[in-house]
Amino acid sequence: MANHVHFTIHVEGIEDEQFNNSVISEKRTRKDYDGNPYEVTELVEIEHQPFMSRVDKSFDEDGHLENSYDWYCEEVGAKWCCIDEMQDGYIAGYSAWRQPHELVINVIQYYANKYDTEVTASMTYEDEFRNFMGKQYYGCDKEGDEGWYAWEGDYNETDADALMEQFKELYPSINTEDEDFWYNEYEVDGEKIYPNEVIDELADKFWEDC
């Protein structure tokens, strides 16, 4: 089973209405645990969204994306990717093993060429086990009659090991090799320390400083 990589993307340079005009949702029928049908409004799959209209793809007679594994790896950046929210320049979801780098590139190029304006973006991403986490910036330039093309900019990354090293520097008296380290409560200079909470705070500080 693939690790989930949770991501958020912020697109800037266009109005919210311009962004939302190229996002498609539809009503679908689902069933609850008792088998009762109910209606829900969901975003259509990435390959059917207008912001991927500039990308080559083909569908079989049943409307399914052909060679979907390779297409997602090449054009989205992961073997599968789910977008939970996409509105007002904000995109949130999760993907398999890797952040959807190529998705951001395609989104920027689509909106920049649609509205003939400079569009930028930033993406934060985090592996569910913090094997890696980071923030990356993206921009675009115009190249004559060929239109706008996107490029990847600066990025910052860290991981669970680096966060643990920061923890050790803050609390050298705590034995991080304890079998129950993550679940223990420690007291240092009269302060109660909960390792999970401290590591989360260090992760939040990383995001703030990016």
N, C-alpha and C. Protein backbone atom coordinates (compact mmCIF):
# COMPACT_ATOMS: atom_id res chain seq x y z
N MET A 1 0.84 -1.19 0.00
CA MET A 1 0.00 0.00 0.00
C MET A 1 0.88 1.24 0.00
N ALA A 2 0.56 2.18 -0.86
CA ALA A 2 1.37 3.39 -0.99
C ALA A 2 1.15 4.34 0.18
N ASN A 3 2.22 5.01 0.58
CA ASN A 3 2.08 6.08 1.57
C ASN A 3 1.30 7.24 0.97
N HIS A 4 0.43 7.81 1.76
CA HIS A 4 -0.26 9.03 1.34
C HIS A 4 0.65 10.23 1.54
N VAL A 5 0.69 11.09 0.55
CA VAL A 5 1.40 12.36 0.66
C VAL A 5 0.34 13.45 0.59
N HIS A 6 0.11 14.12 1.69
CA HIS A 6 -0.91 15.17 1.74
C HIS A 6 -0.31 16.49 1.24
N PHE A 7 -1.08 17.21 0.45
CA PHE A 7 -0.56 18.44 -0.14
C PHE A 7 -1.61 19.55 -0.16
N THR A 8 -1.13 20.77 -0.16
CA THR A 8 -1.98 21.94 -0.40
C THR A 8 -1.26 22.82 -1.41
N ILE A 9 -2.03 23.36 -2.35
CA ILE A 9 -1.48 24.21 -3.41
C ILE A 9 -2.21 25.54 -3.38
N HIS A 10 -1.45 26.63 -3.44
CA HIS A 10 -2.03 27.97 -3.48
C HIS A 10 -1.64 28.61 -4.82
N VAL A 11 -2.63 28.93 -5.63
CA VAL A 11 -2.41 29.53 -6.95
C VAL A 11 -2.71 31.03 -6.86
N GLU A 12 -1.80 31.85 -7.37
CA GLU A 12 -1.96 33.30 -7.33
C GLU A 12 -1.73 33.90 -8.71
N GLY A 13 -2.35 35.07 -8.92
CA GLY A 13 -2.18 35.78 -10.18
C GLY A 13 -3.45 35.92 -10.97
N ILE A 14 -4.53 35.21 -10.54
CA ILE A 14 -5.82 35.32 -11.19
C ILE A 14 -6.90 35.51 -10.12
N GLU A 15 -8.07 35.98 -10.55
CA GLU A 15 -9.18 36.19 -9.63
C GLU A 15 -9.80 34.84 -9.24
N ASP A 16 -10.44 34.81 -8.07
CA ASP A 16 -11.08 33.58 -7.61
C ASP A 16 -12.09 33.08 -8.64
N GLU A 17 -12.86 33.98 -9.22
CA GLU A 17 -13.88 33.57 -10.20
C GLU A 17 -13.23 32.94 -11.43
N GLN A 18 -12.10 33.51 -11.86
CA GLN A 18 -11.40 32.94 -13.00
C GLN A 18 -10.91 31.53 -12.68
N PHE A 19 -10.42 31.35 -11.48
CA PHE A 19 -9.96 30.03 -11.06
C PHE A 19 -11.13 29.04 -11.02
N ASN A 20 -12.22 29.44 -10.40
CA ASN A 20 -13.36 28.54 -10.20
C ASN A 20 -14.06 28.17 -11.50
N ASN A 21 -13.96 29.03 -12.52
CA ASN A 21 -14.61 28.74 -13.80
C ASN A 21 -14.02 27.51 -14.49
N SER A 22 -12.84 27.10 -14.09
CA SER A 22 -12.20 25.95 -14.71
C SER A 22 -12.11 24.76 -13.74
N VAL A 23 -13.08 24.69 -12.85
CA VAL A 23 -13.18 23.57 -11.92
C VAL A 23 -14.56 22.94 -12.09
N ILE A 24 -14.61 21.65 -12.34
CA ILE A 24 -15.88 20.97 -12.60
C ILE A 24 -16.21 19.98 -11.49
N SER A 25 -17.41 20.09 -10.96
CA SER A 25 -17.96 19.12 -10.01
C SER A 25 -19.24 18.56 -10.59
N GLU A 26 -19.68 17.43 -10.08
CA GLU A 26 -20.94 16.85 -10.54
C GLU A 26 -21.59 16.09 -9.39
N LYS A 27 -22.92 15.94 -9.50
CA LYS A 27 -23.65 15.17 -8.50
C LYS A 27 -23.53 13.69 -8.80
N ARG A 28 -23.21 12.91 -7.78
CA ARG A 28 -23.07 11.47 -7.94
C ARG A 28 -23.86 10.75 -6.86
N THR A 29 -24.26 9.54 -7.16
CA THR A 29 -25.01 8.74 -6.21
C THR A 29 -24.08 7.75 -5.52
N ARG A 30 -24.07 7.79 -4.21
CA ARG A 30 -23.28 6.86 -3.41
C ARG A 30 -24.21 6.06 -2.51
N LYS A 31 -23.66 5.03 -1.86
CA LYS A 31 -24.44 4.24 -0.93
C LYS A 31 -23.79 4.26 0.45
N ASP A 32 -24.61 4.35 1.49
CA ASP A 32 -24.08 4.34 2.85
C ASP A 32 -23.82 2.90 3.27
N TYR A 33 -23.43 2.69 4.53
CA TYR A 33 -23.07 1.36 5.00
C TYR A 33 -24.25 0.39 4.99
N ASP A 34 -25.45 0.93 4.99
CA ASP A 34 -26.64 0.08 4.96
C ASP A 34 -27.14 -0.16 3.53
N GLY A 35 -26.41 0.38 2.56
CA GLY A 35 -26.81 0.19 1.17
C GLY A 35 -27.81 1.20 0.65
N ASN A 36 -28.10 2.23 1.45
CA ASN A 36 -29.06 3.24 1.03
C ASN A 36 -28.37 4.29 0.16
N PRO A 37 -28.95 4.63 -1.00
CA PRO A 37 -28.33 5.61 -1.89
C PRO A 37 -28.47 7.04 -1.38
N TYR A 38 -27.50 7.86 -1.66
CA TYR A 38 -27.57 9.28 -1.34
C TYR A 38 -26.77 10.04 -2.38
N GLU A 39 -27.09 11.32 -2.56
CA GLU A 39 -26.41 12.14 -3.55
C GLU A 39 -25.34 13.00 -2.90
N VAL A 40 -24.23 13.16 -3.61
CA VAL A 40 -23.14 13.99 -3.13
C VAL A 40 -22.52 14.70 -4.32
N THR A 41 -22.07 15.92 -4.11
CA THR A 41 -21.39 16.67 -5.17
C THR A 41 -19.89 16.49 -5.01
N GLU A 42 -19.23 16.00 -6.07
CA GLU A 42 -17.81 15.71 -6.02
C GLU A 42 -17.10 16.32 -7.23
N LEU A 43 -15.83 16.61 -7.05
CA LEU A 43 -15.00 17.02 -8.17
C LEU A 43 -14.84 15.85 -9.13
N VAL A 44 -14.91 16.12 -10.43
CA VAL A 44 -14.63 15.05 -11.38
C VAL A 44 -13.15 14.73 -11.35
N GLU A 45 -12.77 13.60 -11.92
CA GLU A 45 -11.39 13.15 -11.88
C GLU A 45 -10.47 14.16 -12.57
N ILE A 46 -9.21 14.14 -12.18
CA ILE A 46 -8.23 15.11 -12.68
C ILE A 46 -8.18 15.12 -14.19
N GLU A 47 -8.21 13.95 -14.81
CA GLU A 47 -8.09 13.89 -16.27
C GLU A 47 -9.24 14.56 -17.00
N HIS A 48 -10.36 14.77 -16.30
CA HIS A 48 -11.53 15.41 -16.92
C HIS A 48 -11.64 16.89 -16.57
N GLN A 49 -10.75 17.40 -15.75
CA GLN A 49 -10.81 18.81 -15.37
C GLN A 49 -10.25 19.68 -16.50
N PRO A 50 -10.84 20.87 -16.72
CA PRO A 50 -10.37 21.76 -17.79
C PRO A 50 -8.89 22.12 -17.69
N PHE A 51 -8.36 22.20 -16.47
CA PHE A 51 -6.96 22.60 -16.34
C PHE A 51 -6.00 21.53 -16.86
N MET A 52 -6.53 20.35 -17.21
CA MET A 52 -5.70 19.33 -17.84
C MET A 52 -6.05 19.16 -19.32
N SER A 53 -6.80 20.10 -19.88
CA SER A 53 -7.23 19.99 -21.28
C SER A 53 -6.08 20.14 -22.26
N ARG A 54 -5.00 20.78 -21.85
CA ARG A 54 -3.85 20.98 -22.73
C ARG A 54 -2.93 19.76 -22.76
N VAL A 55 -3.23 18.79 -21.91
CA VAL A 55 -2.37 17.61 -21.77
C VAL A 55 -2.89 16.48 -22.65
N ASP A 56 -2.02 15.83 -23.41
CA ASP A 56 -2.41 14.71 -24.27
C ASP A 56 -2.92 13.55 -23.43
N LYS A 57 -4.02 12.94 -23.88
CA LYS A 57 -4.58 11.78 -23.20
C LYS A 57 -5.58 11.11 -24.13
N SER A 58 -5.91 9.89 -23.85
CA SER A 58 -6.89 9.17 -24.66
C SER A 58 -7.77 8.33 -23.75
N PHE A 59 -8.98 8.06 -24.20
CA PHE A 59 -9.96 7.31 -23.42
C PHE A 59 -10.47 6.12 -24.22
N ASP A 60 -10.82 5.04 -23.53
CA ASP A 60 -11.36 3.87 -24.22
C ASP A 60 -12.84 4.07 -24.50
N GLU A 61 -13.47 3.07 -25.06
CA GLU A 61 -14.88 3.19 -25.48
C GLU A 61 -15.82 3.39 -24.30
N ASP A 62 -15.36 3.02 -23.10
CA ASP A 62 -16.19 3.23 -21.91
C ASP A 62 -15.89 4.55 -21.20
N GLY A 63 -14.99 5.35 -21.80
CA GLY A 63 -14.67 6.64 -21.24
C GLY A 63 -13.60 6.62 -20.17
N HIS A 64 -12.92 5.48 -20.01
CA HIS A 64 -11.86 5.37 -19.01
C HIS A 64 -10.52 5.80 -19.59
N LEU A 65 -9.72 6.45 -18.79
CA LEU A 65 -8.41 6.91 -19.22
C LEU A 65 -7.52 5.73 -19.57
N GLU A 66 -6.94 5.77 -20.75
CA GLU A 66 -6.05 4.70 -21.17
C GLU A 66 -4.64 4.91 -20.60
N ASN A 67 -3.99 3.79 -20.30
CA ASN A 67 -2.63 3.85 -19.75
C ASN A 67 -2.56 4.81 -18.57
N SER A 68 -3.53 4.68 -17.68
CA SER A 68 -3.72 5.67 -16.61
C SER A 68 -2.53 5.72 -15.64
N TYR A 69 -1.89 4.58 -15.35
CA TYR A 69 -0.76 4.58 -14.41
C TYR A 69 0.35 5.49 -14.92
N ASP A 70 0.78 5.27 -16.16
CA ASP A 70 1.86 6.08 -16.73
C ASP A 70 1.43 7.54 -16.89
N TRP A 71 0.17 7.75 -17.29
CA TRP A 71 -0.31 9.12 -17.50
C TRP A 71 -0.26 9.91 -16.19
N TYR A 72 -0.72 9.29 -15.11
CA TYR A 72 -0.70 9.98 -13.82
C TYR A 72 0.73 10.25 -13.36
N CYS A 73 1.62 9.28 -13.53
CA CYS A 73 3.00 9.48 -13.13
C CYS A 73 3.64 10.62 -13.91
N GLU A 74 3.36 10.70 -15.22
CA GLU A 74 4.00 11.69 -16.06
C GLU A 74 3.35 13.07 -15.98
N GLU A 75 2.03 13.11 -15.90
CA GLU A 75 1.32 14.39 -16.00
C GLU A 75 0.84 14.94 -14.66
N VAL A 76 0.77 14.09 -13.65
CA VAL A 76 0.33 14.52 -12.31
C VAL A 76 1.49 14.44 -11.32
N GLY A 77 2.29 13.39 -11.46
CA GLY A 77 3.45 13.27 -10.59
C GLY A 77 3.37 12.13 -9.60
N ALA A 78 2.27 11.36 -9.63
CA ALA A 78 2.10 10.22 -8.74
C ALA A 78 1.21 9.21 -9.43
N LYS A 79 1.30 7.95 -9.02
CA LYS A 79 0.54 6.92 -9.72
C LYS A 79 -0.96 7.08 -9.54
N TRP A 80 -1.36 7.75 -8.47
CA TRP A 80 -2.74 8.20 -8.33
C TRP A 80 -2.76 9.44 -7.45
N CYS A 81 -3.81 10.22 -7.61
CA CYS A 81 -3.92 11.49 -6.88
C CYS A 81 -5.39 11.82 -6.71
N CYS A 82 -5.75 12.23 -5.51
CA CYS A 82 -7.13 12.60 -5.20
C CYS A 82 -7.17 14.04 -4.72
N ILE A 83 -7.99 14.86 -5.37
CA ILE A 83 -8.19 16.24 -4.94
C ILE A 83 -9.49 16.32 -4.15
N ASP A 84 -9.40 16.71 -2.89
CA ASP A 84 -10.58 16.81 -2.03
C ASP A 84 -11.25 18.18 -2.14
N GLU A 85 -10.45 19.20 -2.38
CA GLU A 85 -10.97 20.57 -2.39
C GLU A 85 -10.24 21.38 -3.45
N MET A 86 -10.99 22.16 -4.21
CA MET A 86 -10.38 23.01 -5.23
C MET A 86 -11.29 24.22 -5.44
N GLN A 87 -10.93 25.34 -4.84
CA GLN A 87 -11.76 26.54 -4.90
C GLN A 87 -10.93 27.77 -4.53
N ASP A 88 -11.22 28.88 -5.23
CA ASP A 88 -10.61 30.18 -4.90
C ASP A 88 -9.08 30.11 -4.85
N GLY A 89 -8.49 29.40 -5.78
CA GLY A 89 -7.04 29.31 -5.85
C GLY A 89 -6.41 28.34 -4.88
N TYR A 90 -7.24 27.57 -4.19
CA TYR A 90 -6.74 26.63 -3.18
C TYR A 90 -7.05 25.20 -3.62
N ILE A 91 -6.05 24.33 -3.57
CA ILE A 91 -6.20 22.92 -3.94
C ILE A 91 -5.64 22.08 -2.80
N ALA A 92 -6.40 21.09 -2.37
CA ALA A 92 -5.93 20.20 -1.29
C ALA A 92 -6.28 18.77 -1.63
N GLY A 93 -5.38 17.86 -1.28
CA GLY A 93 -5.65 16.45 -1.54
C GLY A 93 -4.51 15.57 -1.07
N TYR A 94 -4.43 14.39 -1.66
CA TYR A 94 -3.36 13.47 -1.30
C TYR A 94 -3.02 12.61 -2.51
N SER A 95 -1.78 12.15 -2.55
CA SER A 95 -1.30 11.37 -3.68
C SER A 95 -0.47 10.19 -3.17
N ALA A 96 -0.01 9.35 -4.07
CA ALA A 96 0.73 8.15 -3.70
C ALA A 96 2.23 8.37 -3.80
N TRP A 97 2.91 8.16 -2.69
CA TRP A 97 4.37 8.15 -2.61
C TRP A 97 5.05 9.50 -2.82
N ARG A 98 4.49 10.35 -3.67
CA ARG A 98 5.19 11.57 -4.10
C ARG A 98 4.19 12.71 -4.23
N GLN A 99 4.65 13.93 -4.01
CA GLN A 99 3.79 15.10 -4.19
C GLN A 99 3.50 15.30 -5.69
N PRO A 100 2.34 15.87 -6.06
CA PRO A 100 1.96 16.00 -7.47
C PRO A 100 2.63 17.21 -8.14
N HIS A 101 3.93 17.13 -8.29
CA HIS A 101 4.72 18.22 -8.85
C HIS A 101 4.24 18.61 -10.25
N GLU A 102 4.07 17.62 -11.12
CA GLU A 102 3.66 17.90 -12.51
C GLU A 102 2.24 18.47 -12.58
N LEU A 103 1.40 18.13 -11.63
CA LEU A 103 0.06 18.71 -11.59
C LEU A 103 0.14 20.22 -11.44
N VAL A 104 0.99 20.70 -10.54
CA VAL A 104 1.13 22.15 -10.33
C VAL A 104 1.62 22.82 -11.61
N ILE A 105 2.60 22.22 -12.26
CA ILE A 105 3.11 22.76 -13.52
C ILE A 105 1.98 22.91 -14.54
N ASN A 106 1.16 21.87 -14.68
CA ASN A 106 0.07 21.90 -15.66
C ASN A 106 -1.00 22.92 -15.28
N VAL A 107 -1.30 23.03 -13.99
CA VAL A 107 -2.30 24.00 -13.54
C VAL A 107 -1.84 25.43 -13.86
N ILE A 108 -0.60 25.74 -13.54
CA ILE A 108 -0.07 27.08 -13.80
C ILE A 108 -0.10 27.40 -15.29
N GLN A 109 0.38 26.47 -16.09
CA GLN A 109 0.43 26.72 -17.54
C GLN A 109 -0.97 26.91 -18.11
N TYR A 110 -1.93 26.15 -17.62
CA TYR A 110 -3.29 26.28 -18.12
C TYR A 110 -3.85 27.67 -17.83
N TYR A 111 -3.80 28.09 -16.57
CA TYR A 111 -4.39 29.38 -16.21
C TYR A 111 -3.61 30.54 -16.82
N ALA A 112 -2.29 30.45 -16.87
CA ALA A 112 -1.49 31.53 -17.46
C ALA A 112 -1.83 31.71 -18.93
N ASN A 113 -2.00 30.63 -19.66
CA ASN A 113 -2.33 30.72 -21.08
C ASN A 113 -3.79 31.07 -21.31
N LYS A 114 -4.67 30.63 -20.44
CA LYS A 114 -6.10 30.94 -20.58
C LYS A 114 -6.35 32.43 -20.42
N TYR A 115 -5.68 33.05 -19.45
CA TYR A 115 -5.91 34.46 -19.16
C TYR A 115 -4.75 35.36 -19.59
N ASP A 116 -3.74 34.77 -20.22
CA ASP A 116 -2.57 35.49 -20.71
C ASP A 116 -2.01 36.40 -19.63
N THR A 117 -1.66 35.81 -18.51
CA THR A 117 -1.12 36.56 -17.39
C THR A 117 -0.17 35.68 -16.59
N GLU A 118 0.68 36.31 -15.82
CA GLU A 118 1.63 35.55 -15.00
C GLU A 118 0.91 34.90 -13.82
N VAL A 119 1.11 33.62 -13.64
CA VAL A 119 0.51 32.87 -12.55
C VAL A 119 1.61 32.19 -11.75
N THR A 120 1.52 32.25 -10.44
CA THR A 120 2.49 31.58 -9.57
C THR A 120 1.76 30.63 -8.63
N ALA A 121 2.53 29.80 -7.95
CA ALA A 121 1.92 28.86 -7.01
C ALA A 121 2.95 28.42 -5.98
N SER A 122 2.46 27.93 -4.87
CA SER A 122 3.30 27.28 -3.86
C SER A 122 2.59 26.01 -3.43
N MET A 123 3.36 25.00 -3.10
CA MET A 123 2.79 23.73 -2.64
C MET A 123 3.50 23.26 -1.38
N THR A 124 2.74 22.95 -0.36
CA THR A 124 3.26 22.26 0.81
C THR A 124 2.88 20.79 0.69
N TYR A 125 3.74 19.91 1.15
CA TYR A 125 3.48 18.48 1.04
C TYR A 125 4.12 17.75 2.22
N GLU A 126 3.49 16.65 2.60
CA GLU A 126 3.98 15.91 3.77
C GLU A 126 3.61 14.44 3.65
N ASP A 127 4.61 13.58 3.63
CA ASP A 127 4.40 12.15 3.69
C ASP A 127 3.74 11.80 5.02
N GLU A 128 2.82 10.83 5.00
CA GLU A 128 2.05 10.55 6.22
C GLU A 128 2.93 10.07 7.38
N PHE A 129 4.12 9.54 7.09
CA PHE A 129 5.03 9.13 8.15
C PHE A 129 6.22 10.08 8.26
N ARG A 130 6.09 11.23 7.62
CA ARG A 130 7.12 12.26 7.63
C ARG A 130 8.48 11.74 7.14
N ASN A 131 8.44 10.81 6.17
CA ASN A 131 9.68 10.43 5.50
C ASN A 131 10.25 11.65 4.78
N PHE A 132 9.36 12.56 4.40
CA PHE A 132 9.77 13.85 3.84
C PHE A 132 8.60 14.80 3.97
N MET A 133 8.90 16.07 4.03
CA MET A 133 7.88 17.13 4.02
C MET A 133 8.56 18.39 3.51
N GLY A 134 7.82 19.24 2.83
CA GLY A 134 8.47 20.41 2.27
C GLY A 134 7.50 21.41 1.68
N LYS A 135 8.09 22.46 1.13
CA LYS A 135 7.32 23.50 0.46
C LYS A 135 8.09 23.92 -0.78
N GLN A 136 7.38 24.03 -1.91
CA GLN A 136 8.02 24.41 -3.17
C GLN A 136 7.24 25.53 -3.83
N TYR A 137 7.99 26.41 -4.53
CA TYR A 137 7.40 27.54 -5.24
C TYR A 137 7.51 27.31 -6.75
N TYR A 138 6.55 27.86 -7.47
CA TYR A 138 6.49 27.72 -8.93
C TYR A 138 6.17 29.07 -9.56
N GLY A 139 6.66 29.26 -10.77
CA GLY A 139 6.36 30.48 -11.52
C GLY A 139 6.20 30.16 -12.99
N CYS A 140 6.05 31.20 -13.81
CA CYS A 140 5.93 30.98 -15.25
C CYS A 140 6.47 32.19 -16.00
N ASP A 141 6.85 31.95 -17.24
CA ASP A 141 7.34 33.00 -18.14
C ASP A 141 6.66 32.83 -19.48
N LYS A 142 6.64 33.91 -20.24
CA LYS A 142 6.05 33.86 -21.57
C LYS A 142 7.15 33.81 -22.62
N GLU A 143 6.97 32.92 -23.57
CA GLU A 143 7.97 32.74 -24.61
C GLU A 143 7.35 33.01 -25.98
N GLY A 144 7.32 34.28 -26.39
CA GLY A 144 6.81 34.68 -27.71
C GLY A 144 5.42 34.16 -27.99
N ASP A 145 5.24 33.67 -29.20
CA ASP A 145 3.93 33.17 -29.63
C ASP A 145 3.63 31.78 -29.07
N GLU A 146 4.60 31.16 -28.41
CA GLU A 146 4.39 29.82 -27.87
C GLU A 146 3.65 29.84 -26.54
N GLY A 147 3.42 31.02 -26.01
CA GLY A 147 2.64 31.13 -24.79
C GLY A 147 3.46 30.99 -23.52
N TRP A 148 2.76 30.76 -22.43
CA TRP A 148 3.37 30.69 -21.11
C TRP A 148 3.82 29.27 -20.79
N TYR A 149 4.94 29.16 -20.11
CA TYR A 149 5.41 27.86 -19.63
C TYR A 149 5.80 28.01 -18.17
N ALA A 150 5.56 26.97 -17.41
CA ALA A 150 5.81 27.00 -15.96
C ALA A 150 7.17 26.43 -15.63
N TRP A 151 7.70 26.86 -14.50
CA TRP A 151 8.98 26.34 -14.02
C TRP A 151 8.92 26.18 -12.50
N GLU A 152 9.76 25.28 -12.00
CA GLU A 152 9.80 25.06 -10.55
C GLU A 152 10.85 25.96 -9.93
N GLY A 153 10.51 26.53 -8.77
CA GLY A 153 11.42 27.43 -8.09
C GLY A 153 12.04 26.81 -6.86
N ASP A 154 12.33 27.66 -5.87
CA ASP A 154 12.99 27.20 -4.66
C ASP A 154 12.12 26.26 -3.84
N TYR A 155 12.77 25.42 -3.06
CA TYR A 155 12.03 24.54 -2.16
C TYR A 155 12.83 24.31 -0.89
N ASN A 156 12.12 23.97 0.17
CA ASN A 156 12.72 23.61 1.46
C ASN A 156 12.13 22.27 1.88
N GLU A 157 12.97 21.39 2.41
CA GLU A 157 12.50 20.08 2.86
C GLU A 157 13.11 19.72 4.21
N THR A 158 12.39 18.88 4.93
CA THR A 158 12.91 18.28 6.14
C THR A 158 12.28 16.90 6.27
N ASP A 159 12.56 16.19 7.35
CA ASP A 159 11.96 14.87 7.56
C ASP A 159 11.92 14.55 9.04
N ALA A 160 11.41 13.37 9.35
CA ALA A 160 11.23 12.99 10.76
C ALA A 160 12.56 12.92 11.50
N ASP A 161 13.62 12.46 10.83
CA ASP A 161 14.93 12.37 11.48
C ASP A 161 15.44 13.75 11.89
N ALA A 162 15.27 14.73 10.98
CA ALA A 162 15.73 16.08 11.29
C ALA A 162 14.92 16.68 12.44
N LEU A 163 13.62 16.41 12.46
CA LEU A 163 12.78 16.91 13.56
C LEU A 163 13.20 16.27 14.88
N MET A 164 13.56 14.98 14.82
CA MET A 164 13.99 14.30 16.03
C MET A 164 15.30 14.89 16.55
N GLU A 165 16.20 15.25 15.65
CA GLU A 165 17.46 15.87 16.06
C GLU A 165 17.20 17.20 16.77
N GLN A 166 16.23 17.94 16.29
CA GLN A 166 15.86 19.20 16.95
C GLN A 166 15.31 18.92 18.34
N PHE A 167 14.50 17.86 18.44
CA PHE A 167 13.95 17.49 19.75
C PHE A 167 15.08 17.17 20.72
N LYS A 168 16.06 16.40 20.28
CA LYS A 168 17.18 16.01 21.14
C LYS A 168 17.98 17.22 21.62
N GLU A 169 18.09 18.21 20.73
CA GLU A 169 18.81 19.43 21.12
C GLU A 169 18.04 20.20 22.19
N LEU A 170 16.71 20.18 22.08
CA LEU A 170 15.89 20.89 23.06
C LEU A 170 15.85 20.16 24.40
N TYR A 171 15.80 18.81 24.35
CA TYR A 171 15.65 18.02 25.57
C TYR A 171 16.67 16.88 25.59
N PRO A 172 17.95 17.20 25.79
CA PRO A 172 19.00 16.17 25.77
C PRO A 172 18.88 15.16 26.90
N SER A 173 18.16 15.51 27.95
CA SER A 173 18.04 14.58 29.09
C SER A 173 17.03 13.47 28.84
N ILE A 174 16.21 13.61 27.81
CA ILE A 174 15.19 12.60 27.52
C ILE A 174 15.79 11.52 26.62
N ASN A 175 15.61 10.29 27.02
CA ASN A 175 16.12 9.15 26.26
C ASN A 175 15.13 8.81 25.14
N THR A 176 15.47 9.20 23.94
CA THR A 176 14.57 8.96 22.80
C THR A 176 14.59 7.50 22.36
N GLU A 177 15.46 6.69 22.97
CA GLU A 177 15.51 5.27 22.63
C GLU A 177 14.57 4.45 23.51
N ASP A 178 13.91 5.10 24.47
CA ASP A 178 12.94 4.39 25.31
C ASP A 178 11.91 3.68 24.43
N GLU A 179 11.56 2.47 24.82
CA GLU A 179 10.60 1.68 24.03
C GLU A 179 9.27 2.42 23.88
N ASP A 180 8.86 3.11 24.94
CA ASP A 180 7.58 3.82 24.91
C ASP A 180 7.76 5.33 24.77
N PHE A 181 8.85 5.71 24.13
CA PHE A 181 9.17 7.14 24.02
C PHE A 181 8.00 7.98 23.53
N TRP A 182 7.37 7.57 22.45
CA TRP A 182 6.32 8.39 21.85
C TRP A 182 5.08 8.53 22.73
N TYR A 183 4.92 7.60 23.65
CA TYR A 183 3.69 7.58 24.44
C TYR A 183 3.90 8.01 25.89
N ASN A 184 5.14 8.29 26.24
CA ASN A 184 5.44 8.67 27.62
C ASN A 184 5.22 10.16 27.86
N GLU A 185 5.06 10.47 29.13
CA GLU A 185 5.05 11.86 29.57
C GLU A 185 6.34 12.09 30.35
N TYR A 186 7.08 13.15 30.01
CA TYR A 186 8.34 13.46 30.68
C TYR A 186 8.22 14.80 31.38
N GLU A 187 9.05 14.99 32.36
CA GLU A 187 9.10 16.28 33.05
C GLU A 187 10.53 16.81 33.02
N VAL A 188 10.68 18.02 32.46
CA VAL A 188 11.99 18.65 32.34
C VAL A 188 11.89 20.06 32.92
N ASP A 189 12.65 20.33 33.97
CA ASP A 189 12.64 21.65 34.61
C ASP A 189 11.23 22.09 34.96
N GLY A 190 10.43 21.14 35.47
CA GLY A 190 9.08 21.46 35.90
C GLY A 190 8.07 21.52 34.76
N GLU A 191 8.51 21.30 33.53
CA GLU A 191 7.61 21.34 32.38
C GLU A 191 7.28 19.93 31.92
N LYS A 192 5.99 19.65 31.71
CA LYS A 192 5.59 18.34 31.20
C LYS A 192 5.79 18.30 29.68
N ILE A 193 6.47 17.27 29.22
CA ILE A 193 6.81 17.14 27.81
C ILE A 193 6.13 15.92 27.21
N TYR A 194 5.43 16.14 26.12
CA TYR A 194 4.80 15.05 25.37
C TYR A 194 5.47 15.02 23.99
N PRO A 195 6.30 14.02 23.71
CA PRO A 195 7.08 14.00 22.47
C PRO A 195 6.29 14.25 21.20
N ASN A 196 5.14 13.61 21.06
CA ASN A 196 4.36 13.80 19.84
C ASN A 196 3.99 15.27 19.64
N GLU A 197 3.59 15.92 20.73
CA GLU A 197 3.19 17.32 20.63
C GLU A 197 4.38 18.22 20.27
N VAL A 198 5.53 17.92 20.85
CA VAL A 198 6.72 18.73 20.56
C VAL A 198 7.13 18.58 19.10
N ILE A 199 7.13 17.34 18.60
CA ILE A 199 7.49 17.10 17.20
C ILE A 199 6.52 17.80 16.26
N ASP A 200 5.22 17.77 16.59
CA ASP A 200 4.23 18.48 15.77
C ASP A 200 4.50 19.99 15.77
N GLU A 201 4.86 20.51 16.92
CA GLU A 201 5.16 21.95 17.02
C GLU A 201 6.40 22.30 16.19
N LEU A 202 7.39 21.42 16.19
CA LEU A 202 8.59 21.65 15.37
C LEU A 202 8.25 21.60 13.88
N ALA A 203 7.33 20.72 13.51
CA ALA A 203 6.89 20.64 12.12
C ALA A 203 6.15 21.92 11.73
N ASP A 204 5.29 22.41 12.62
CA ASP A 204 4.57 23.67 12.35
C ASP A 204 5.55 24.82 12.20
N LYS A 205 6.60 24.83 13.01
CA LYS A 205 7.60 25.89 12.93
C LYS A 205 8.33 25.82 11.58
N PHE A 206 8.56 24.62 11.09
CA PHE A 206 9.19 24.47 9.77
C PHE A 206 8.33 25.13 8.70
N TRP A 207 6.99 24.87 8.75
CA TRP A 207 6.10 25.48 7.75
C TRP A 207 6.14 27.00 7.85
N GLU A 208 6.14 27.52 9.06
CA GLU A 208 6.14 28.96 9.26
C GLU A 208 7.39 29.61 8.69
N ASP A 209 8.51 28.91 8.77
CA ASP A 209 9.78 29.50 8.34
C ASP A 209 10.06 29.32 6.85
N CYS A 210 9.26 28.48 6.18
CA CYS A 210 9.50 28.24 4.75
C CYS A 210 9.22 29.49 3.91
